[in-house]
Amino acid sequence: MSLLVCLDFDGTLAELNPDPYSVRIHPGAERAIRRLAALPDTEVVILTGRHIEGIAKVLPADFPVTVVGSHGAEPGPELTSADRAYLDDIEAQLRRIATDGAYVEVKPFQRVLHVAQVDNEARATAILAEANTIDTRGRPKTQGHNVVEFSAIDITKGTWLSAYKRRFDTTIFAGDDDTDEHAIAVLGPNDIGIKVGHKPTRATRRVPDVGAMAQFLTQLAEEREAWSATR
């Protein structure tokens, strides 16, 4: 039985932090993932909203996983001149809005407004509300934890996972945020969806936090090793 273990990063394998580059993967999760990745017919993918260059800064250099960034867009298609012009316009509008500690993240296919470093909660809410009035011209916009993301292309974690999982008998997906619901929605009857935290979800399983997710992965590694030993 081939197994795909597909995992979000922030809030799933690492604690959330206003400084996204100060976080590190939970040590228990790291150990379990290394064990899983070493097994036959098993692949571990980190499917993250971060761009690939950004996630590389917080993952171990020798981490034996497939990394997919920008909600499935990286690696991905070439942007058209219209796509690039759209992103430039969105970035300019977001930079005018990004005050009081808010900042704009530039990713290859997206522009993201972050408000986690805004000290005043009411002000952070107001900044996000203003960003949400921007005309997307029908292009995708995604709400996340203290962020709003504008994308030039219509790729989600769900569209990426739906295509990639076809080569496996079973897929396990785990994530904590609203963007992860796109991936959970494409899971089939032989798959397992796990929600980390307490947000509403269609996942069939839930764990309370990053530490509990690390414990789940450790148990999965033990069971997968035992199964592999009997083959």
Foldseek 3Di string as FASTA:
>chain_A
DAEEEEEEPDFAQWDDDLPLLVIAGDVLLQVLQVLQLPFPNYAYEHQYLAAPVRVCSHYPPPRNHHYAYNQRCVVHDDDDPVQVVLQVVLQVVLVVLQDQQWDWDDHPFKIKIADPRRPDPVSLVVSVVVSVVDDLVPFDWDDKDRMIMRGSDPHHNQVNCLVPCPVGPEYEYEDAIPSCQSNQVNHDPRYFYEYEDDDDHPGPYYDDGNVVSSVVSNVVSVVSVVVSVVD
